[in-house]
């Protein structure tokens, strides 16, 4: 018997119906509550937190159920990074074939608050409203502080100079627990607008053309027979909409109930093909999700009503009953910068048997792509790269961050292995276009010649009272004495004020 419920508020559904809401999350079944936040450009929309975007792995700080640690910055390091174990690949190898670019699925190590993967670097943050004791606001997820312990993997299809397409975001160990014991199954988001199951196979391949079981299939939707011991994986990464026969079920006062999960998609071609790396290609998409909603399946045969407690009809009530996901993805030829956001309902009352259901938000940046083979990285010469920077800035941990866009210049001395990274002109990406205190210049060290980290750089970073680090990679085959592109991520925080910036950059070599 259900003991606690979050009611679906009319405002949430009214915003969805009007096209303003990125998603609702929270509550059991159709008892889902809203969350609010912002989307790119600073426009307020539903879903909780700012879109797009929140990953890094470092020890320290407090933990949340199922992972999600606030990193302890410790003592930042500089100089030449040590090689990684020989078993850790430092080149791109993607499930899906030659036309896929990917970041790699495992964190190799973390230094200067930036996590290294086989073909990328990443950092992420978490909401803070869900850290209160007791939690005051359960229907939203706001705030921004550093996080660690999880990982984000991004893949896109990329053919020649064509824009990136078909994004896949795989998120693991983000401290998002349905039962307050175990981390939820990995998130495998394909932003697909067809009904079906998304499956991550043991070999890393992702398929989306899998039939979605009917609500009567209680061997798959086994909550009706097993209760909280049911198979969580079967309630994750399913796409229930659009559907026929059983329309979306929203509150009576909502006149236009959402019927599809995809909220928005846009794609634009940049100017990097004509030499302007400050204007990369952009792909943005956002999707409602229903992960963890037990009402996908019926009650046991013969039960009256035929649906599980808390429902008001067969199947999931409406798109976004448990949250939303976004990706804002930027691309050059070999380099990608993905800004991802996920909002999820956690401690779900049916799974946890507790009255603490609420929403959490995670957002991060991943710089990744066709990394330069470390064996080919030059040992002489200097090269300058210019391009684009992007990320989030928050002036304290309790408010949602502001999206910023800026410029980036990177100068590399391949002989001394010194890399100067300058992120400048960082302004809010909204109508105000206000300057934000994110700009910095720092010198990092790249891996020694003829080591497996020769295509990697790491170092400290400082902007005013913000302290943290930067990590980067070289991308593309070496031509004319240098890799053609670079990209990276950075994270800086002020523990006294709660200021935080998590950002990334992507740059292309300038003509010599």
Protein backbone atom coordinates (compact mmCIF):
# COMPACT_ATOMS: atom_id res chain seq x y z
CA UNK A 1 0.00 0.00 0.00
CA UNK A 2 1.35 3.41 -0.92
CA UNK A 3 2.17 5.50 2.13
CA UNK A 4 3.39 8.73 0.54
CA UNK A 5 2.70 10.68 -2.62
CA UNK A 6 3.84 13.81 -4.40
CA UNK A 7 0.90 15.34 -6.17
CA UNK A 8 1.16 16.48 -9.75
CA UNK A 9 0.78 20.23 -9.54
CA UNK A 10 -1.28 22.05 -12.19
CA UNK A 11 1.50 24.56 -12.83
CA UNK A 12 3.90 21.83 -13.93
CA UNK A 13 1.53 20.41 -16.50
CA UNK A 14 0.38 23.83 -17.63
CA UNK A 15 4.00 24.68 -18.39
CA UNK A 16 4.49 21.40 -20.22
CA UNK A 17 1.39 21.96 -22.25
CA UNK A 18 2.52 25.45 -23.13
CA UNK A 19 5.88 24.13 -24.28
CA UNK A 20 7.86 25.86 -21.52
CA UNK A 21 8.66 22.88 -19.32
CA UNK A 22 11.70 20.69 -19.90
CA UNK A 23 10.24 17.98 -17.70
CA UNK A 24 8.48 16.98 -14.56
CA UNK A 25 10.06 14.62 -12.09
CA UNK A 26 9.03 13.14 -8.77
CA UNK A 27 6.07 11.31 -7.36
CA UNK A 28 4.69 7.86 -7.89
CA UNK A 29 3.08 7.10 -11.23
CA UNK A 30 0.80 9.94 -12.20
CA UNK A 31 1.44 11.61 -8.82
CA UNK A 32 4.38 13.41 -10.36
CA UNK A 33 5.57 16.83 -9.31
CA UNK A 34 7.33 19.56 -11.26
CA UNK A 35 10.79 20.95 -11.12
CA UNK A 36 11.95 24.21 -12.57
CA UNK A 37 15.15 25.54 -14.03
CA UNK A 38 16.65 27.15 -17.09
CA UNK A 39 17.61 26.15 -20.60
CA UNK A 40 20.36 27.50 -22.89
CA UNK A 41 20.20 31.22 -23.14
CA UNK A 42 18.74 31.57 -19.67
CA UNK A 43 15.09 30.97 -20.53
CA UNK A 44 13.17 29.47 -17.62
CA UNK A 45 11.71 26.04 -18.38
CA UNK A 46 10.63 22.94 -16.50
CA UNK A 47 12.73 20.05 -15.55
CA UNK A 48 14.90 21.41 -12.78
CA UNK A 49 18.33 22.94 -13.21
CA UNK A 50 19.81 24.58 -16.24
CA UNK A 51 20.08 22.91 -19.56
CA UNK A 52 22.18 21.91 -21.14
CA UNK A 53 24.41 20.15 -19.11
CA UNK A 54 26.76 18.38 -15.28
CA UNK A 55 31.35 14.49 -14.20
CA UNK A 56 34.67 14.10 -12.32
CA UNK A 57 36.14 11.48 -10.10
CA UNK A 58 38.09 12.53 -7.04
CA UNK A 59 37.96 11.39 -3.44
CA UNK A 60 36.79 13.40 -0.49
CA UNK A 61 33.77 15.34 0.65
CA UNK A 62 30.41 13.88 1.59
CA UNK A 63 28.62 11.10 -0.24
CA UNK A 64 25.07 10.41 -1.31
CA UNK A 65 23.38 6.99 -1.60
CA UNK A 66 24.74 5.11 -4.57
CA UNK A 67 27.73 7.40 -5.15
CA UNK A 68 28.16 11.05 -6.09
CA UNK A 69 30.98 12.44 -4.01
CA UNK A 70 31.88 16.09 -3.70
CA UNK A 71 35.56 16.18 -4.69
CA UNK A 72 38.22 17.41 -2.34
CA UNK A 73 40.47 19.61 -4.46
CA UNK A 74 43.45 18.71 -2.31
CA UNK A 75 46.75 20.08 -3.54
CA UNK A 76 46.67 20.77 -7.28
CA UNK A 77 49.58 19.37 -9.21
CA UNK A 78 51.47 20.66 -12.20
CA UNK A 79 54.29 19.50 -14.40
CA UNK A 80 54.48 16.50 -16.69
CA UNK A 81 51.72 13.93 -16.06
CA UNK A 82 52.82 10.40 -15.28
CA UNK A 83 52.04 7.62 -17.77
CA UNK A 84 48.85 5.63 -17.26
CA UNK A 85 49.00 1.83 -16.89
CA UNK A 86 49.82 0.00 -20.09
CA UNK A 87 46.41 -1.70 -19.91
CA UNK A 88 44.63 1.66 -20.21
CA UNK A 89 44.07 2.65 -23.83
CA UNK A 90 44.74 6.29 -24.73
CA UNK A 91 43.30 6.13 -28.23
CA UNK A 92 39.70 6.21 -29.42
CA UNK A 93 37.97 2.88 -29.92
CA UNK A 94 34.19 3.13 -30.26
CA UNK A 95 31.43 0.54 -30.29
CA UNK A 96 29.42 1.19 -33.41
CA UNK A 97 32.12 1.34 -36.06
CA UNK A 98 34.37 3.74 -37.90
CA UNK A 99 31.75 6.49 -38.21
CA UNK A 100 31.39 6.91 -34.44
CA UNK A 101 33.39 9.28 -32.23
CA UNK A 102 33.30 8.57 -28.51
CA UNK A 103 34.81 9.57 -25.19
CA UNK A 104 35.44 6.14 -23.67
CA UNK A 105 33.41 4.49 -20.97
CA UNK A 106 35.83 4.20 -18.04
CA UNK A 107 37.62 6.74 -15.89
CA UNK A 108 41.36 6.01 -16.02
CA UNK A 109 42.30 8.48 -13.30
CA UNK A 110 41.52 11.95 -12.01
CA UNK A 111 43.96 14.79 -11.40
CA UNK A 112 43.37 18.47 -10.81
CA UNK A 113 39.65 17.62 -10.51
CA UNK A 114 39.44 16.52 -14.16
CA UNK A 115 38.79 12.88 -15.08
CA UNK A 116 40.68 11.20 -17.89
CA UNK A 117 39.15 8.61 -20.23
CA UNK A 118 40.65 6.83 -23.24
CA UNK A 119 39.64 9.59 -25.66
CA UNK A 120 38.45 12.47 -23.52
CA UNK A 121 38.43 14.47 -20.29
CA UNK A 122 35.41 15.37 -18.19
CA UNK A 123 33.97 17.08 -15.10
CA UNK A 124 30.51 17.31 -13.55
CA UNK A 125 28.46 18.83 -10.74
CA UNK A 126 25.36 18.05 -8.74
CA UNK A 127 22.30 19.85 -7.37
CA UNK A 128 22.31 20.89 -3.73
CA UNK A 129 18.61 21.26 -2.89
CA UNK A 130 18.47 17.49 -2.43
CA UNK A 131 21.26 17.58 0.18
CA UNK A 132 19.22 19.42 2.81
CA UNK A 133 18.20 17.61 6.00
CA UNK A 134 15.29 17.37 5.86
CA UNK A 135 14.70 17.99 2.16
CA UNK A 136 12.49 21.05 1.88
CA UNK A 137 11.79 21.08 -1.85
CA UNK A 138 11.15 17.63 -3.28
CA UNK A 139 9.56 18.71 -6.54
CA UNK A 140 12.62 20.45 -7.97
CA UNK A 141 16.38 20.13 -8.08
CA UNK A 142 18.42 23.31 -7.84
CA UNK A 143 21.90 24.46 -6.85
CA UNK A 144 25.35 23.51 -8.14
CA UNK A 145 28.43 22.05 -6.47
CA UNK A 146 31.30 19.83 -7.64
CA UNK A 147 30.73 16.08 -7.72
CA UNK A 148 32.74 12.94 -8.36
CA UNK A 149 32.45 9.17 -8.38
CA UNK A 150 30.47 8.92 -11.60
CA UNK A 151 31.22 8.90 -15.30
CA UNK A 152 29.73 10.21 -18.52
CA UNK A 153 30.31 8.58 -21.90
CA UNK A 154 29.20 10.36 -25.08
CA UNK A 155 29.06 8.97 -28.60
CA UNK A 156 28.03 10.60 -31.87
CA UNK A 157 27.93 9.56 -35.49
CA UNK A 158 30.45 11.63 -37.47
CA UNK A 159 31.17 11.08 -41.17
CA UNK A 160 33.92 13.21 -42.66
CA UNK A 161 33.16 16.92 -42.31
CA UNK A 162 29.44 16.32 -41.83
CA UNK A 163 27.84 17.58 -38.59
CA UNK A 164 27.58 15.16 -35.68
CA UNK A 165 24.33 13.25 -35.30
CA UNK A 166 22.66 10.48 -33.28
CA UNK A 167 24.03 11.38 -29.84
CA UNK A 168 24.21 8.73 -27.12
CA UNK A 169 24.84 9.64 -23.48
CA UNK A 170 25.72 6.84 -21.02
CA UNK A 171 25.82 7.87 -17.35
CA UNK A 172 26.97 5.68 -14.47
CA UNK A 173 27.29 5.93 -10.68
CA UNK A 174 25.88 9.42 -10.26
CA UNK A 175 24.28 8.84 -6.86
CA UNK A 176 20.80 8.38 -8.32
CA UNK A 177 19.13 5.65 -6.32
CA UNK A 178 15.53 4.49 -6.68
CA UNK A 179 15.57 2.29 -3.56
CA UNK A 180 18.00 4.29 -1.38
CA UNK A 181 20.38 1.31 -1.41
CA UNK A 182 21.75 0.76 -4.91
CA UNK A 183 22.61 3.19 -7.68
CA UNK A 184 20.02 3.01 -10.44
CA UNK A 185 20.90 1.08 -13.63
CA UNK A 186 23.17 2.96 -16.05
CA UNK A 187 21.40 5.70 -18.00
CA UNK A 188 21.56 5.00 -21.74
CA UNK A 189 19.99 8.00 -23.45
CA UNK A 190 19.66 8.07 -27.24
CA UNK A 191 17.11 10.92 -27.59
CA UNK A 192 15.07 8.63 -29.79
CA UNK A 193 11.47 9.61 -30.50
CA UNK A 194 10.13 6.13 -31.19
CA UNK A 195 8.64 3.65 -28.77
CA UNK A 196 10.93 0.81 -27.72
CA UNK A 197 13.70 -0.40 -25.42
CA UNK A 198 17.26 0.94 -25.44
CA UNK A 199 19.76 -1.81 -24.61
CA UNK A 200 23.46 -1.52 -23.77
CA UNK A 201 25.08 -4.84 -24.68
CA UNK A 202 28.08 -6.40 -22.96
CA UNK A 203 30.30 -5.41 -25.91
CA UNK A 204 29.30 -1.76 -25.51
CA UNK A 205 26.98 -1.53 -28.49
CA UNK A 206 23.67 0.28 -28.05
CA UNK A 207 20.49 -0.82 -29.82
CA UNK A 208 17.19 1.04 -29.90
CA UNK A 209 15.06 -1.10 -32.20
CA UNK A 210 13.96 -3.46 -29.44
CA UNK A 211 10.24 -4.00 -28.96
CA UNK A 212 8.72 -2.58 -25.80
CA UNK A 213 6.82 -5.25 -23.82
CA UNK A 214 3.12 -4.73 -23.21
CA UNK A 215 1.97 -3.67 -19.72
CA UNK A 216 0.52 -7.19 -19.33
CA UNK A 217 3.98 -8.79 -19.60
CA UNK A 218 4.56 -9.30 -15.87
CA UNK A 219 7.66 -11.42 -16.46
CA UNK A 220 9.29 -8.19 -17.69
CA UNK A 221 7.40 -5.62 -15.60
CA UNK A 222 7.78 -7.79 -12.51
CA UNK A 223 7.03 -5.21 -9.84
CA UNK A 224 3.47 -6.54 -9.57
CA UNK A 225 4.79 -9.90 -8.35
CA UNK A 226 8.12 -8.99 -6.72
CA UNK A 227 7.51 -5.51 -5.35
CA UNK A 228 10.72 -3.61 -4.49
CA UNK A 229 12.74 -6.74 -5.38
CA UNK A 230 11.70 -6.31 -9.00
CA UNK A 231 14.25 -6.04 -11.82
CA UNK A 232 15.21 -2.36 -11.90
CA UNK A 233 16.92 -2.67 -15.29
CA UNK A 234 13.56 -3.51 -16.87
CA UNK A 235 12.20 -0.12 -15.80
CA UNK A 236 15.17 1.86 -17.15
CA UNK A 237 15.85 3.23 -20.63
CA UNK A 238 12.42 2.38 -22.03
CA UNK A 239 10.67 4.72 -24.47
CA UNK A 240 6.92 4.62 -23.94
CA UNK A 241 5.77 7.42 -26.24
CA UNK A 242 4.27 8.17 -28.67
CA UNK A 243 1.67 5.47 -28.12
CA UNK A 244 -1.80 4.56 -29.32
CA UNK A 245 -4.79 3.17 -27.47
CA UNK A 246 -3.94 4.61 -24.07
CA UNK A 247 -3.47 8.38 -24.35
CA UNK A 248 -1.34 10.44 -21.96
CA UNK A 249 -3.11 10.97 -18.63
CA UNK A 250 -2.59 14.37 -17.07
CA UNK A 251 -4.40 16.37 -14.41
CA UNK A 252 -7.95 17.33 -15.52
CA UNK A 253 -7.11 21.03 -15.64
CA UNK A 254 -4.41 20.45 -18.29
CA UNK A 255 -6.00 20.82 -21.71
CA UNK A 256 -2.98 19.76 -23.79
CA UNK A 257 -1.27 16.75 -22.25
CA UNK A 258 2.16 15.94 -23.76
CA UNK A 259 2.13 12.87 -25.98
CA UNK A 260 5.79 12.60 -27.01
CA UNK A 261 9.06 12.44 -25.10
CA UNK A 262 11.25 14.60 -27.32
CA UNK A 263 10.87 18.21 -26.22
CA UNK A 264 13.18 20.06 -28.56
CA UNK A 265 15.83 19.39 -31.19
CA UNK A 266 17.94 21.86 -33.12
CA UNK A 267 21.05 21.61 -35.25
CA UNK A 268 23.23 24.30 -36.79
CA UNK A 269 26.37 24.23 -38.87
CA UNK A 270 29.28 26.33 -37.71
CA UNK A 271 32.12 28.10 -39.51
CA UNK A 272 35.10 25.90 -38.57
CA UNK A 273 35.26 24.54 -42.13
CA UNK A 274 36.26 28.01 -43.30
CA UNK A 275 38.75 28.54 -40.47
CA UNK A 276 36.62 29.97 -37.65
CA UNK A 277 36.88 27.43 -34.82
CA UNK A 278 35.06 29.84 -32.51
CA UNK A 279 31.89 28.83 -34.39
CA UNK A 280 31.61 25.02 -34.06
CA UNK A 281 28.68 22.91 -35.20
CA UNK A 282 25.93 22.58 -32.61
CA UNK A 283 23.39 19.84 -31.88
CA UNK A 284 20.87 20.25 -29.06
CA UNK A 285 18.16 17.84 -28.01
CA UNK A 286 16.06 17.27 -24.91
CA UNK A 287 13.86 14.37 -23.82
CA UNK A 288 11.37 13.57 -21.07
CA UNK A 289 11.97 10.20 -19.40
CA UNK A 290 10.05 7.82 -17.16
CA UNK A 291 12.87 5.72 -15.68
CA UNK A 292 11.81 3.93 -12.52
CA UNK A 293 8.08 4.45 -12.97
CA UNK A 294 6.52 1.13 -11.92
CA UNK A 295 3.24 1.96 -13.67
CA UNK A 296 4.67 0.75 -16.96
CA UNK A 297 3.29 -2.66 -15.97
CA UNK A 298 -0.14 -3.83 -14.82
CA UNK A 299 -1.20 -5.28 -11.50
CA UNK A 300 -1.54 -9.07 -11.26
CA UNK A 301 -4.26 -10.67 -13.41
CA UNK A 302 -7.73 -10.32 -11.95
CA UNK A 303 -6.86 -7.29 -9.84
CA UNK A 304 -9.34 -4.44 -9.70
CA UNK A 305 -8.31 -1.97 -10.94
CA UNK A 306 -5.94 -3.57 -13.43
CA UNK A 307 -3.18 -1.10 -12.72
CA UNK A 308 -0.81 -0.77 -9.79
CA UNK A 309 -1.60 1.37 -6.77
CA UNK A 310 -1.11 5.07 -7.49
CA UNK A 311 -2.03 4.83 -11.16
CA UNK A 312 -5.18 5.90 -12.96
CA UNK A 313 -4.93 3.82 -16.11
CA UNK A 314 -2.84 1.31 -18.05
CA UNK A 315 0.85 2.19 -18.51
CA UNK A 316 2.93 5.30 -17.87
CA UNK A 317 0.67 8.32 -17.38
CA UNK A 318 2.55 10.95 -19.41
CA UNK A 319 6.01 11.75 -20.84
CA UNK A 320 8.45 12.96 -18.21
CA UNK A 321 6.87 11.33 -15.19
CA UNK A 322 10.37 10.86 -13.72
CA UNK A 323 12.51 13.62 -15.25
CA UNK A 324 14.33 14.84 -18.33
CA UNK A 325 17.70 14.81 -20.11
CA UNK A 326 19.45 17.30 -22.39
CA UNK A 327 22.60 17.45 -24.42
CA UNK A 328 24.13 20.57 -25.99
CA UNK A 329 26.81 19.19 -28.29
CA UNK A 330 29.53 21.16 -30.10
CA UNK A 331 31.81 19.75 -32.81
CA UNK A 332 34.82 20.50 -34.98
CA UNK A 333 36.25 17.89 -37.36
CA UNK A 334 37.90 15.68 -34.73
CA UNK A 335 36.92 17.35 -31.46
CA UNK A 336 33.62 17.36 -29.58
CA UNK A 337 32.39 19.11 -26.46
CA UNK A 338 29.25 17.63 -24.93
CA UNK A 339 27.30 19.40 -22.18
CA UNK A 340 24.82 17.00 -20.61
CA UNK A 341 22.08 17.29 -17.97
CA UNK A 342 19.98 14.65 -16.27
CA UNK A 343 17.22 15.19 -13.75
CA UNK A 344 15.87 12.09 -12.04
CA UNK A 345 13.36 11.17 -9.38
CA UNK A 346 15.11 9.25 -6.57
CA UNK A 347 14.11 7.35 -3.44
CA UNK A 348 10.99 6.45 -5.40
CA UNK A 349 8.31 5.54 -2.88
CA UNK A 350 7.42 2.18 -4.43
CA UNK A 351 11.06 1.04 -4.68
CA UNK A 352 12.23 2.52 -1.38
CA UNK A 353 9.07 2.05 0.70
CA UNK A 354 9.85 5.42 2.23
CA UNK A 355 8.37 8.89 2.15
CA UNK A 356 11.45 10.76 0.95
CA UNK A 357 10.90 10.80 -2.82
CA UNK A 358 12.49 13.83 -4.48
CA UNK A 359 14.48 15.01 -7.50
CA UNK A 360 18.21 15.24 -8.17
CA UNK A 361 20.08 16.97 -10.98
CA UNK A 362 23.49 16.24 -12.48
CA UNK A 363 25.24 18.15 -15.26
CA UNK A 364 28.66 17.86 -16.84
CA UNK A 365 31.00 18.52 -19.74
CA UNK A 366 33.00 16.02 -21.78
CA UNK A 367 35.69 17.01 -24.30
CA UNK A 368 36.36 14.03 -26.51
CA UNK A 369 36.89 12.70 -30.00
CA UNK A 370 39.40 11.19 -32.39
CA UNK A 371 42.45 11.66 -30.15
CA UNK A 372 45.89 11.93 -31.66
CA UNK A 373 47.94 8.74 -31.37
CA UNK A 374 50.36 9.50 -28.50
CA UNK A 375 53.20 7.91 -30.45
CA UNK A 376 52.86 10.58 -33.14
CA UNK A 377 52.69 13.73 -30.96
CA UNK A 378 55.59 16.04 -31.95
CA UNK A 379 58.65 16.69 -29.77
CA UNK A 380 59.64 20.03 -31.33
CA UNK A 381 57.98 23.23 -32.49
CA UNK A 382 55.37 25.66 -31.16
CA UNK A 383 51.77 25.95 -32.31
CA UNK A 384 48.84 28.21 -31.45
CA UNK A 385 45.23 27.05 -31.40
CA UNK A 386 42.14 29.26 -31.13
CA UNK A 387 38.46 28.58 -30.67
CA UNK A 388 35.53 28.38 -28.30
CA UNK A 389 34.74 27.90 -24.60
CA UNK A 390 31.46 26.97 -22.94
CA UNK A 391 30.18 25.99 -19.51
CA UNK A 392 28.34 26.91 -16.33
CA UNK A 393 29.13 29.41 -13.59
CA UNK A 394 27.38 29.77 -10.24
CA UNK A 395 28.18 32.44 -7.65
CA UNK A 396 27.06 30.19 -4.79
CA UNK A 397 26.09 26.57 -4.30
CA UNK A 398 22.38 27.17 -3.73
CA UNK A 399 21.48 28.74 -7.09
CA UNK A 400 21.33 27.28 -10.56
CA UNK A 401 24.36 28.07 -12.70
CA UNK A 402 24.47 30.49 -15.60
CA UNK A 403 25.61 29.30 -19.01
CA UNK A 404 28.62 31.17 -20.38
CA UNK A 405 30.29 31.30 -23.78
CA UNK A 406 33.77 32.64 -24.40
CA UNK A 407 36.91 32.30 -26.47
CA UNK A 408 39.91 30.03 -25.99
CA UNK A 409 43.56 30.27 -27.08
CA UNK A 410 46.08 27.50 -26.49
CA UNK A 411 49.81 27.81 -27.17
CA UNK A 412 51.92 24.64 -27.16
CA UNK A 413 55.68 24.23 -26.96
CA UNK A 414 56.21 20.61 -27.95
CA UNK A 415 59.87 20.72 -26.96
CA UNK A 416 59.35 21.89 -23.36
CA UNK A 417 55.92 20.17 -23.07
CA UNK A 418 54.43 23.42 -21.74
CA UNK A 419 50.86 24.30 -22.75
CA UNK A 420 49.36 27.74 -22.04
CA UNK A 421 45.55 27.69 -21.93
CA UNK A 422 43.71 31.03 -21.96
CA UNK A 423 39.91 31.17 -21.63
CA UNK A 424 38.72 34.74 -22.15
CA UNK A 425 35.67 36.90 -22.93
CA UNK A 426 33.39 34.75 -20.77
CA UNK A 427 29.90 36.24 -20.90
CA UNK A 428 26.51 34.88 -19.93
CA UNK A 429 24.70 33.25 -22.82
CA UNK A 430 21.52 35.22 -22.36
CA UNK A 431 20.09 38.59 -23.25
CA UNK A 432 22.16 40.31 -20.56
CA UNK A 433 25.45 39.07 -22.03
CA UNK A 434 27.03 39.93 -18.68
CA UNK A 435 30.73 39.33 -18.05
CA UNK A 436 31.31 36.41 -15.67
CA UNK A 437 34.46 35.90 -13.53
CA UNK A 438 35.46 32.73 -15.31
CA UNK A 439 38.37 33.91 -17.49
CA UNK A 440 41.81 32.46 -16.68
CA UNK A 441 45.25 31.82 -18.14
CA UNK A 442 47.34 28.91 -16.94
CA UNK A 443 50.29 26.81 -18.04
CA UNK A 444 49.81 23.05 -17.91
CA UNK A 445 52.14 20.18 -18.63
CA UNK A 446 51.66 17.62 -21.37
CA UNK A 447 52.84 14.05 -21.24
CA UNK A 448 56.46 13.27 -22.02
CA UNK A 449 57.41 12.31 -25.55
CA UNK A 450 57.09 8.63 -26.42
CA UNK A 451 54.79 7.86 -23.47
CA UNK A 452 51.14 6.85 -23.56
CA UNK A 453 50.14 10.26 -22.15
CA UNK A 454 51.87 12.33 -24.83
CA UNK A 455 48.38 13.25 -26.14
CA UNK A 456 47.22 14.50 -22.70
CA UNK A 457 47.80 17.63 -20.62
CA UNK A 458 46.90 18.58 -17.05
CA UNK A 459 47.52 21.48 -14.71
CA UNK A 460 46.14 23.91 -12.18
CA UNK A 461 43.83 26.82 -12.97
CA UNK A 462 42.96 30.00 -11.08
CA UNK A 463 40.39 32.74 -11.69
CA UNK A 464 40.24 35.25 -8.83
CA UNK A 465 39.38 33.22 -5.74
CA UNK A 466 38.43 30.21 -7.81
CA UNK A 467 40.91 27.34 -7.65
CA UNK A 468 40.97 24.11 -9.59
CA UNK A 469 42.39 22.44 -12.65
CA UNK A 470 42.31 21.89 -16.37
CA UNK A 471 42.77 18.81 -18.54
CA UNK A 472 42.99 18.46 -22.28
CA UNK A 473 43.71 16.22 -25.25
CA UNK A 474 45.03 16.55 -28.80
CA UNK A 475 42.71 15.47 -31.60
CA UNK A 476 43.22 14.39 -35.19
CA UNK A 477 46.19 12.96 -37.11
CA UNK A 478 49.41 14.97 -37.01
CA UNK A 479 49.87 17.08 -40.15
CA UNK A 480 52.35 19.86 -40.85
CA UNK A 481 54.12 19.13 -37.58
CA UNK A 482 51.19 19.22 -35.13
CA UNK A 483 47.75 17.82 -34.31
CA UNK A 484 45.03 19.89 -36.00
CA UNK A 485 42.78 20.35 -32.94
CA UNK A 486 42.66 20.34 -29.15
CA UNK A 487 39.95 20.26 -26.51
CA UNK A 488 39.60 20.11 -22.76
CA UNK A 489 37.59 20.73 -19.62
CA UNK A 490 38.20 22.79 -16.49
CA UNK A 491 36.73 23.04 -13.02
CA UNK A 492 37.34 25.72 -10.38
CA UNK A 493 35.64 26.41 -7.07
CA UNK A 494 35.79 28.74 -4.10
CA UNK A 495 34.94 26.66 -1.04
CA UNK A 496 34.31 29.78 1.04
CA UNK A 497 31.63 31.35 -1.15
CA UNK A 498 30.43 28.28 -3.03
CA UNK A 499 31.32 29.75 -6.41
CA UNK A 500 31.81 27.07 -9.05
CA UNK A 501 32.69 26.96 -12.72
CA UNK A 502 32.72 23.83 -14.87
CA UNK A 503 33.59 24.47 -18.48
CA UNK A 504 35.22 23.20 -21.61
CA UNK A 505 37.03 24.44 -24.68
CA UNK A 506 37.73 23.30 -28.24
CA UNK A 507 40.31 24.90 -30.51
CA UNK A 508 41.85 24.45 -33.96
CA UNK A 509 45.40 25.09 -35.16
CA UNK A 510 46.01 28.46 -36.72
CA UNK A 511 47.76 28.80 -40.07
CA UNK A 512 51.50 29.21 -39.56
